[in-house]
Amino acid sequence: MNGIDVPLQLVGEPLDKFLDSTKSFTRPLQSLPGSDLFIAPPVSVDDVAYAAIKAVTDDDVFGIQTIEQIIELSSAIRAN
């Protein structure tokens, strides 16, 4: 905005750590409809990119992926 670059890792990393520390409190809320929109953990751009590469190169991957599936796909391609 107006030529100002905001390094997202300065916001994302602390937010991720905060959400990690509050998992025991937010876990019961996950059963509520639509709660995943508000308490979903942030996913790194690298994980999304690696998951996309895995989805394009692997015919067994199709459809919409959950956050956990994105992280698993990313881990699978990073291991190669």
C-alpha atoms as a PDB file:
ATOM      1  CA  MET A   1       0.000   0.000   0.000  1.00  0.00           C
ATOM      2  CA  ASN A   2       1.497   3.327  -1.051  1.00  0.00           C
ATOM      3  CA  GLY A   3       4.849   1.702  -1.749  1.00  0.00           C
ATOM      4  CA  ILE A   4       5.261   0.228   1.730  1.00  0.00           C
ATOM      5  CA  ASP A   5       6.320  -3.404   1.843  1.00  0.00           C
ATOM      6  CA  VAL A   6       5.095  -5.381   4.832  1.00  0.00           C
ATOM      7  CA  PRO A   7       7.221  -8.449   5.589  1.00  0.00           C
ATOM      8  CA  LEU A   8       4.506 -11.000   6.286  1.00  0.00           C
ATOM      9  CA  GLN A   9       6.803 -13.288   8.243  1.00  0.00           C
ATOM     10  CA  LEU A  10       6.912 -10.613  10.954  1.00  0.00           C
ATOM     11  CA  VAL A  11       3.160 -11.072  11.383  1.00  0.00           C
ATOM     12  CA  GLY A  12       2.753 -14.720  10.397  1.00  0.00           C
ATOM     13  CA  GLU A  13       5.407 -16.316  12.588  1.00  0.00           C
ATOM     14  CA  PRO A  14       4.269 -14.721  15.870  1.00  0.00           C
ATOM     15  CA  LEU A  15       0.647 -15.464  14.968  1.00  0.00           C
ATOM     16  CA  ASP A  16       1.543 -19.091  14.253  1.00  0.00           C
ATOM     17  CA  LYS A  17       3.339 -19.382  17.601  1.00  0.00           C
ATOM     18  CA  PHE A  18       0.400 -17.779  19.382  1.00  0.00           C
ATOM     19  CA  LEU A  19      -2.093 -20.155  17.762  1.00  0.00           C
ATOM     20  CA  ASP A  20       0.179 -23.096  18.587  1.00  0.00           C
ATOM     21  CA  SER A  21       0.202 -22.079  22.243  1.00  0.00           C
ATOM     22  CA  THR A  22      -3.603 -21.783  22.341  1.00  0.00           C
ATOM     23  CA  LYS A  23      -4.385 -25.162  20.722  1.00  0.00           C
ATOM     24  CA  SER A  24      -5.621 -26.678  23.981  1.00  0.00           C
ATOM     25  CA  PHE A  25      -8.154 -23.838  24.309  1.00  0.00           C
ATOM     26  CA  THR A  26      -9.251 -23.718  20.671  1.00  0.00           C
ATOM     27  CA  ARG A  27      -9.523 -27.487  20.084  1.00  0.00           C
ATOM     28  CA  PRO A  28     -13.066 -27.699  21.575  1.00  0.00           C
ATOM     29  CA  LEU A  29     -14.147 -24.824  19.314  1.00  0.00           C
ATOM     30  CA  GLN A  30     -13.146 -26.733  16.186  1.00  0.00           C
ATOM     31  CA  SER A  31     -16.377 -28.733  16.290  1.00  0.00           C
ATOM     32  CA  LEU A  32     -18.422 -25.572  15.708  1.00  0.00           C
ATOM     33  CA  PRO A  33     -19.524 -24.980  12.101  1.00  0.00           C
ATOM     34  CA  GLY A  34     -17.402 -22.342  10.376  1.00  0.00           C
ATOM     35  CA  SER A  35     -14.875 -22.183  13.199  1.00  0.00           C
ATOM     36  CA  ASP A  36     -12.105 -23.293  10.852  1.00  0.00           C
ATOM     37  CA  LEU A  37     -12.340 -19.926   9.113  1.00  0.00           C
ATOM     38  CA  PHE A  38     -11.324 -18.110  12.287  1.00  0.00           C
ATOM     39  CA  ILE A  39      -8.963 -20.437  14.118  1.00  0.00           C
ATOM     40  CA  ALA A  40      -7.177 -22.129  11.225  1.00  0.00           C
ATOM     41  CA  PRO A  41      -3.405 -21.914  11.567  1.00  0.00           C
ATOM     42  CA  PRO A  42      -1.540 -19.945   8.927  1.00  0.00           C
ATOM     43  CA  VAL A  43       0.138 -22.011   6.217  1.00  0.00           C
ATOM     44  CA  SER A  44       3.436 -20.859   4.777  1.00  0.00           C
ATOM     45  CA  VAL A  45       3.567 -19.878   1.138  1.00  0.00           C
ATOM     46  CA  ASP A  46       6.359 -22.420   0.645  1.00  0.00           C
ATOM     47  CA  ASP A  47       4.126 -25.230   1.930  1.00  0.00           C
ATOM     48  CA  VAL A  48       1.320 -24.190  -0.421  1.00  0.00           C
ATOM     49  CA  ALA A  49       3.748 -23.984  -3.362  1.00  0.00           C
ATOM     50  CA  TYR A  50       5.271 -27.405  -2.658  1.00  0.00           C
ATOM     51  CA  ALA A  51       1.799 -28.912  -2.228  1.00  0.00           C
ATOM     52  CA  ALA A  52       0.761 -27.424  -5.573  1.00  0.00           C
ATOM     53  CA  ILE A  53       3.830 -28.943  -7.248  1.00  0.00           C
ATOM     54  CA  LYS A  54       3.035 -32.327  -5.683  1.00  0.00           C
ATOM     55  CA  ALA A  55      -0.601 -32.064  -6.833  1.00  0.00           C
ATOM     56  CA  VAL A  56       0.444 -31.294 -10.404  1.00  0.00           C
ATOM     57  CA  THR A  57       2.978 -34.100 -10.594  1.00  0.00           C
ATOM     58  CA  ASP A  58       1.009 -36.810  -8.736  1.00  0.00           C
ATOM     59  CA  ASP A  59      -2.191 -38.159 -10.307  1.00  0.00           C
ATOM     60  CA  ASP A  60      -3.335 -39.502  -6.925  1.00  0.00           C
ATOM     61  CA  VAL A  61      -3.755 -35.951  -5.567  1.00  0.00           C
ATOM     62  CA  PHE A  62      -6.985 -34.264  -6.582  1.00  0.00           C
ATOM     63  CA  GLY A  63      -9.705 -32.049  -5.173  1.00  0.00           C
ATOM     64  CA  ILE A  64      -9.654 -29.559  -2.363  1.00  0.00           C
ATOM     65  CA  GLN A  65      -6.982 -30.197   0.274  1.00  0.00           C
ATOM     66  CA  THR A  66      -7.224 -29.464   3.993  1.00  0.00           C
ATOM     67  CA  ILE A  67      -4.490 -27.587   5.813  1.00  0.00           C
ATOM     68  CA  GLU A  68      -3.148 -30.861   7.186  1.00  0.00           C
ATOM     69  CA  GLN A  69      -3.116 -32.387   3.698  1.00  0.00           C
ATOM     70  CA  ILE A  70      -1.278 -29.350   2.310  1.00  0.00           C
ATOM     71  CA  ILE A  71       1.400 -29.739   4.971  1.00  0.00           C
ATOM     72  CA  GLU A  72       1.666 -33.501   4.273  1.00  0.00           C
ATOM     73  CA  LEU A  73       1.993 -32.917   0.510  1.00  0.00           C
ATOM     74  CA  SER A  74       4.636 -30.277   1.138  1.00  0.00           C
ATOM     75  CA  SER A  75       6.578 -32.628   3.404  1.00  0.00           C
ATOM     76  CA  ALA A  76       6.404 -35.388   0.801  1.00  0.00           C
ATOM     77  CA  ILE A  77       7.939 -33.248  -1.922  1.00  0.00           C
ATOM     78  CA  ARG A  78      10.568 -31.719   0.391  1.00  0.00           C
ATOM     79  CA  ALA A  79      11.718 -35.220   1.347  1.00  0.00           C
ATOM     80  CA  ASN A  80      12.579 -35.959  -2.305  1.00  0.00           C
END
